[in-house]
Amino acid sequence: MYNAVVAVDLRDPQTFRCAFDEHHRAVYTAAFRIVNDASQAQDIVQDVFLRLWRRPGSFDASRGDLGTYLRLLGRSRALDVWREGQVRGRAADRLKVVTGSEEPRVEDHPGILAERDHDRAEVREALSRLPEAQREAIVLAYWGGLTADQIASRAHVPLGTAKSRIRLGLARLREEFPVAV
């Protein structure tokens, strides 16, 4: 029954509203089962329906039901979010191992703090020598915690361009810090 309505035109706001009303709970449930976080699941629902609104032609009624298509999009996006969280968690764990879990106290280890300040200055100097686009991509990825997809959206460039900027910038930093990076 619903496929006949969807096949008409998802660009129509009323038709889109009906599709949202009918399927948003199922998309939320599919996403929540993976990410186990209510706010992330809500964000995923928003991402899925925003994608459908922007590209209504991506749904082909002849290939299947709209609800199945939307749940699949939600599940896929939830897996991406879950994986991003896993990568972020592993990166944070590696950073804790490298730096130690406790910050040294200034009065106990002033030499360590002076060395750390010197290292920070060297990294900042090396970053300043990178082209602006590469510097921005690296800072957003490593200090901002953004994915390449998020960086591409923010910079209004294709995903491949964002990934290349990160890769090329890291390669230049490796030349300056062959052991550290």
C-alpha atoms as a PDB file:
ATOM      1  CA  MET A   1       0.000   0.000   0.000  1.00  0.00           C
ATOM      2  CA  TYR A   2       2.632   2.551   1.010  1.00  0.00           C
ATOM      3  CA  ASN A   3       4.917   1.856  -1.969  1.00  0.00           C
ATOM      4  CA  ALA A   4       2.328   3.383  -4.286  1.00  0.00           C
ATOM      5  CA  VAL A   5       2.481   6.644  -2.307  1.00  0.00           C
ATOM      6  CA  VAL A   6       6.295   6.608  -2.176  1.00  0.00           C
ATOM      7  CA  ALA A   7       6.609   5.915  -5.879  1.00  0.00           C
ATOM      8  CA  VAL A   8       4.699   9.144  -6.517  1.00  0.00           C
ATOM      9  CA  ASP A   9       7.169  11.674  -5.161  1.00  0.00           C
ATOM     10  CA  LEU A  10       9.298  11.773  -2.008  1.00  0.00           C
ATOM     11  CA  ARG A  11      10.168  15.397  -2.839  1.00  0.00           C
ATOM     12  CA  ASP A  12       6.640  16.353  -1.847  1.00  0.00           C
ATOM     13  CA  PRO A  13       6.769  17.600   1.786  1.00  0.00           C
ATOM     14  CA  GLN A  14       3.496  15.903   2.742  1.00  0.00           C
ATOM     15  CA  THR A  15       4.583  12.552   1.304  1.00  0.00           C
ATOM     16  CA  PHE A  16       7.945  12.894   3.018  1.00  0.00           C
ATOM     17  CA  ARG A  17       6.224  13.719   6.337  1.00  0.00           C
ATOM     18  CA  CYS A  18       4.089  10.578   5.996  1.00  0.00           C
ATOM     19  CA  ALA A  19       7.194   8.495   5.294  1.00  0.00           C
ATOM     20  CA  PHE A  20       8.924   9.973   8.347  1.00  0.00           C
ATOM     21  CA  ASP A  21       5.905   9.406  10.600  1.00  0.00           C
ATOM     22  CA  GLU A  22       5.593   5.812   9.475  1.00  0.00           C
ATOM     23  CA  HIS A  23       9.259   4.775   9.599  1.00  0.00           C
ATOM     24  CA  HIS A  24      11.273   6.942  12.003  1.00  0.00           C
ATOM     25  CA  ARG A  25      10.688   4.638  14.992  1.00  0.00           C
ATOM     26  CA  ALA A  26      11.918   1.578  13.101  1.00  0.00           C
ATOM     27  CA  VAL A  27      15.055   3.436  11.943  1.00  0.00           C
ATOM     28  CA  TYR A  28      15.658   4.612  15.526  1.00  0.00           C
ATOM     29  CA  THR A  29      15.277   1.049  16.859  1.00  0.00           C
ATOM     30  CA  ALA A  30      17.679  -0.365  14.271  1.00  0.00           C
ATOM     31  CA  ALA A  31      20.253   2.311  15.080  1.00  0.00           C
ATOM     32  CA  PHE A  32      19.830   2.064  18.863  1.00  0.00           C
ATOM     33  CA  ARG A  33      20.445  -1.691  18.802  1.00  0.00           C
ATOM     34  CA  ILE A  34      23.916  -1.000  17.407  1.00  0.00           C
ATOM     35  CA  VAL A  35      25.062   2.217  19.101  1.00  0.00           C
ATOM     36  CA  ASN A  36      23.146   1.713  22.390  1.00  0.00           C
ATOM     37  CA  ASP A  37      22.918   5.489  22.833  1.00  0.00           C
ATOM     38  CA  ALA A  38      19.656   7.408  22.496  1.00  0.00           C
ATOM     39  CA  SER A  39      21.144  10.692  21.256  1.00  0.00           C
ATOM     40  CA  GLN A  40      23.333   8.957  18.673  1.00  0.00           C
ATOM     41  CA  ALA A  41      20.345   6.923  17.476  1.00  0.00           C
ATOM     42  CA  GLN A  42      18.330  10.157  17.113  1.00  0.00           C
ATOM     43  CA  ASP A  43      21.183  11.722  15.139  1.00  0.00           C
ATOM     44  CA  ILE A  44      21.245   8.682  12.873  1.00  0.00           C
ATOM     45  CA  VAL A  45      17.492   8.982  12.236  1.00  0.00           C
ATOM     46  CA  GLN A  46      18.038  12.609  11.299  1.00  0.00           C
ATOM     47  CA  ASP A  47      20.948  11.666   8.988  1.00  0.00           C
ATOM     48  CA  VAL A  48      18.891   8.970   7.250  1.00  0.00           C
ATOM     49  CA  PHE A  49      15.884  11.183   6.610  1.00  0.00           C
ATOM     50  CA  LEU A  50      18.024  14.140   5.616  1.00  0.00           C
ATOM     51  CA  ARG A  51      19.739  11.922   3.057  1.00  0.00           C
ATOM     52  CA  LEU A  52      16.337  10.789   1.763  1.00  0.00           C
ATOM     53  CA  TRP A  53      15.145  14.399   1.560  1.00  0.00           C
ATOM     54  CA  ARG A  54      18.254  15.522  -0.323  1.00  0.00           C
ATOM     55  CA  ARG A  55      18.308  12.516  -2.655  1.00  0.00           C
ATOM     56  CA  PRO A  56      14.752  11.169  -2.952  1.00  0.00           C
ATOM     57  CA  GLY A  57      15.713   9.376  -6.161  1.00  0.00           C
ATOM     58  CA  SER A  58      18.068   7.085  -4.225  1.00  0.00           C
ATOM     59  CA  PHE A  59      15.050   5.016  -3.185  1.00  0.00           C
ATOM     60  CA  ASP A  60      13.808   2.704  -5.930  1.00  0.00           C
ATOM     61  CA  ALA A  61      10.369   1.313  -5.101  1.00  0.00           C
ATOM     62  CA  SER A  62      10.843  -1.470  -7.648  1.00  0.00           C
ATOM     63  CA  ARG A  63      13.736  -2.864  -5.566  1.00  0.00           C
ATOM     64  CA  GLY A  64      11.844  -3.116  -2.296  1.00  0.00           C
ATOM     65  CA  ASP A  65       9.923  -1.550   0.542  1.00  0.00           C
ATOM     66  CA  LEU A  66      10.718   1.969   1.792  1.00  0.00           C
ATOM     67  CA  GLY A  67      10.790   0.809   5.420  1.00  0.00           C
ATOM     68  CA  THR A  68      13.372  -1.862   4.651  1.00  0.00           C
ATOM     69  CA  TYR A  69      15.469   0.635   2.712  1.00  0.00           C
ATOM     70  CA  LEU A  70      15.389   3.177   5.551  1.00  0.00           C
ATOM     71  CA  ARG A  71      16.197   0.581   8.245  1.00  0.00           C
ATOM     72  CA  LEU A  72      19.146  -0.585   6.142  1.00  0.00           C
ATOM     73  CA  LEU A  73      20.392   3.006   5.810  1.00  0.00           C
ATOM     74  CA  GLY A  74      19.983   3.478   9.561  1.00  0.00           C
ATOM     75  CA  ARG A  75      21.797   0.251  10.362  1.00  0.00           C
ATOM     76  CA  SER A  76      24.630   1.137   8.002  1.00  0.00           C
ATOM     77  CA  ARG A  77      25.026   4.626   9.459  1.00  0.00           C
ATOM     78  CA  ALA A  78      24.869   3.219  13.010  1.00  0.00           C
ATOM     79  CA  LEU A  79      27.669   0.789  12.203  1.00  0.00           C
ATOM     80  CA  ASP A  80      29.745   3.687  10.871  1.00  0.00           C
ATOM     81  CA  VAL A  81      29.137   5.672  14.066  1.00  0.00           C
ATOM     82  CA  TRP A  82      29.953   2.649  16.220  1.00  0.00           C
ATOM     83  CA  ARG A  83      33.186   2.018  14.298  1.00  0.00           C
ATOM     84  CA  GLU A  84      34.187   5.683  14.604  1.00  0.00           C
ATOM     85  CA  GLY A  85      33.716   5.402  18.363  1.00  0.00           C
ATOM     86  CA  GLN A  86      35.854   2.282  18.469  1.00  0.00           C
ATOM     87  CA  VAL A  87      38.652   3.989  16.534  1.00  0.00           C
ATOM     88  CA  ARG A  88      38.448   7.080  18.740  1.00  0.00           C
ATOM     89  CA  GLY A  89      38.585   4.888  21.853  1.00  0.00           C
ATOM     90  CA  ARG A  90      41.633   2.975  20.602  1.00  0.00           C
ATOM     91  CA  ALA A  91      43.389   6.226  19.690  1.00  0.00           C
ATOM     92  CA  ALA A  92      42.705   7.615  23.168  1.00  0.00           C
ATOM     93  CA  ASP A  93      44.003   4.392  24.748  1.00  0.00           C
ATOM     94  CA  ARG A  94      47.199   4.557  22.666  1.00  0.00           C
ATOM     95  CA  LEU A  95      47.678   8.173  23.645  1.00  0.00           C
ATOM     96  CA  LYS A  96      47.328   7.258  27.336  1.00  0.00           C
ATOM     97  CA  VAL A  97      49.964   4.535  26.953  1.00  0.00           C
ATOM     98  CA  VAL A  98      52.374   6.881  25.185  1.00  0.00           C
ATOM     99  CA  THR A  99      51.891   9.861  27.489  1.00  0.00           C
ATOM    100  CA  GLY A 100      51.092   8.072  30.732  1.00  0.00           C
ATOM    101  CA  SER A 101      47.760   8.356  32.456  1.00  0.00           C
ATOM    102  CA  GLU A 102      48.757  11.018  34.967  1.00  0.00           C
ATOM    103  CA  GLU A 103      49.981  14.498  34.233  1.00  0.00           C
ATOM    104  CA  PRO A 104      53.291  15.274  35.906  1.00  0.00           C
ATOM    105  CA  ARG A 105      53.090  17.966  38.543  1.00  0.00           C
ATOM    106  CA  VAL A 106      55.081  21.107  37.738  1.00  0.00           C
ATOM    107  CA  GLU A 107      56.795  21.177  41.097  1.00  0.00           C
ATOM    108  CA  ASP A 108      57.799  17.498  40.845  1.00  0.00           C
ATOM    109  CA  HIS A 109      59.067  17.347  37.244  1.00  0.00           C
ATOM    110  CA  PRO A 110      59.799  20.756  35.717  1.00  0.00           C
ATOM    111  CA  GLY A 111      62.192  19.178  33.204  1.00  0.00           C
ATOM    112  CA  ILE A 112      59.446  16.960  31.790  1.00  0.00           C
ATOM    113  CA  LEU A 113      57.108  19.927  31.390  1.00  0.00           C
ATOM    114  CA  ALA A 114      59.816  21.999  29.726  1.00  0.00           C
ATOM    115  CA  GLU A 115      60.501  19.142  27.296  1.00  0.00           C
ATOM    116  CA  ARG A 116      56.795  18.723  26.591  1.00  0.00           C
ATOM    117  CA  ASP A 117      56.440  22.456  25.942  1.00  0.00           C
ATOM    118  CA  HIS A 118      59.418  22.262  23.570  1.00  0.00           C
ATOM    119  CA  ASP A 119      57.819  19.300  21.739  1.00  0.00           C
ATOM    120  CA  ARG A 120      54.531  21.176  21.438  1.00  0.00           C
ATOM    121  CA  ALA A 121      56.336  24.164  19.976  1.00  0.00           C
ATOM    122  CA  GLU A 122      58.102  21.933  17.426  1.00  0.00           C
ATOM    123  CA  VAL A 123      54.821  20.309  16.386  1.00  0.00           C
ATOM    124  CA  ARG A 124      53.130  23.691  16.053  1.00  0.00           C
ATOM    125  CA  GLU A 125      56.050  24.962  13.983  1.00  0.00           C
ATOM    126  CA  ALA A 126      55.903  21.898  11.717  1.00  0.00           C
ATOM    127  CA  LEU A 127      52.137  22.308  11.334  1.00  0.00           C
ATOM    128  CA  SER A 128      52.575  25.955  10.413  1.00  0.00           C
ATOM    129  CA  ARG A 129      54.779  24.937   7.470  1.00  0.00           C
ATOM    130  CA  LEU A 130      52.039  22.736   5.999  1.00  0.00           C
ATOM    131  CA  PRO A 131      49.669  24.111   3.369  1.00  0.00           C
ATOM    132  CA  GLU A 132      46.560  25.532   5.017  1.00  0.00           C
ATOM    133  CA  ALA A 133      44.243  22.797   3.698  1.00  0.00           C
ATOM    134  CA  GLN A 134      46.492  19.981   4.994  1.00  0.00           C
ATOM    135  CA  ARG A 135      46.994  21.691   8.352  1.00  0.00           C
ATOM    136  CA  GLU A 136      43.260  22.198   8.786  1.00  0.00           C
ATOM    137  CA  ALA A 137      42.489  18.569   7.888  1.00  0.00           C
ATOM    138  CA  ILE A 138      45.071  17.198  10.339  1.00  0.00           C
ATOM    139  CA  VAL A 139      44.007  19.475  13.179  1.00  0.00           C
ATOM    140  CA  LEU A 140      40.336  18.593  12.656  1.00  0.00           C
ATOM    141  CA  ALA A 141      41.119  14.871  12.486  1.00  0.00           C
ATOM    142  CA  TYR A 142      43.529  14.522  15.394  1.00  0.00           C
ATOM    143  CA  TRP A 143      42.621  17.309  17.766  1.00  0.00           C
ATOM    144  CA  GLY A 144      39.042  17.857  16.697  1.00  0.00           C
ATOM    145  CA  GLY A 145      38.175  14.156  16.538  1.00  0.00           C
ATOM    146  CA  LEU A 146      36.404  14.466  13.180  1.00  0.00           C
ATOM    147  CA  THR A 147      36.251  11.715  10.591  1.00  0.00           C
ATOM    148  CA  ALA A 148      37.412  12.253   7.020  1.00  0.00           C
ATOM    149  CA  ASP A 149      33.757  12.365   5.949  1.00  0.00           C
ATOM    150  CA  GLN A 150      33.005  15.106   8.488  1.00  0.00           C
ATOM    151  CA  ILE A 151      36.099  17.054   7.411  1.00  0.00           C
ATOM    152  CA  ALA A 152      35.031  16.793   3.763  1.00  0.00           C
ATOM    153  CA  SER A 153      31.569  18.121   4.624  1.00  0.00           C
ATOM    154  CA  ARG A 154      32.991  20.962   6.691  1.00  0.00           C
ATOM    155  CA  ALA A 155      35.515  21.985   4.000  1.00  0.00           C
ATOM    156  CA  HIS A 156      32.995  21.432   1.154  1.00  0.00           C
ATOM    157  CA  VAL A 157      35.361  19.083  -0.697  1.00  0.00           C
ATOM    158  CA  PRO A 158      35.005  15.471  -1.900  1.00  0.00           C
ATOM    159  CA  LEU A 159      35.806  12.732   0.628  1.00  0.00           C
ATOM    160  CA  GLY A 160      38.862  11.632  -1.379  1.00  0.00           C
ATOM    161  CA  THR A 161      40.269  15.161  -1.253  1.00  0.00           C
ATOM    162  CA  ALA A 162      39.888  15.304   2.537  1.00  0.00           C
ATOM    163  CA  LYS A 163      41.609  11.926   2.904  1.00  0.00           C
ATOM    164  CA  SER A 164      44.435  13.030   0.592  1.00  0.00           C
ATOM    165  CA  ARG A 165      44.972  16.204   2.587  1.00  0.00           C
ATOM    166  CA  ILE A 166      45.317  14.209   5.796  1.00  0.00           C
ATOM    167  CA  ARG A 167      47.608  11.637   4.181  1.00  0.00           C
ATOM    168  CA  LEU A 168      49.866  14.213   2.510  1.00  0.00           C
ATOM    169  CA  GLY A 169      50.057  16.350   5.646  1.00  0.00           C
ATOM    170  CA  LEU A 170      50.996  13.351   7.785  1.00  0.00           C
ATOM    171  CA  ALA A 171      53.646  12.334   5.258  1.00  0.00           C
ATOM    172  CA  ARG A 172      55.226  15.799   5.534  1.00  0.00           C
ATOM    173  CA  LEU A 173      55.116  15.633   9.332  1.00  0.00           C
ATOM    174  CA  ARG A 174      56.754  12.189   9.250  1.00  0.00           C
ATOM    175  CA  GLU A 175      59.642  13.724   7.335  1.00  0.00           C
ATOM    176  CA  GLU A 176      60.152  16.210  10.169  1.00  0.00           C
ATOM    177  CA  PHE A 177      59.523  13.732  13.005  1.00  0.00           C
ATOM    178  CA  PRO A 178      60.520  10.301  11.664  1.00  0.00           C
ATOM    179  CA  VAL A 179      60.202   8.502  15.016  1.00  0.00           C
ATOM    180  CA  ALA A 180      57.437  10.432  16.749  1.00  0.00           C
ATOM    181  CA  VAL A 181      54.669  10.241  14.129  1.00  0.00           C
END
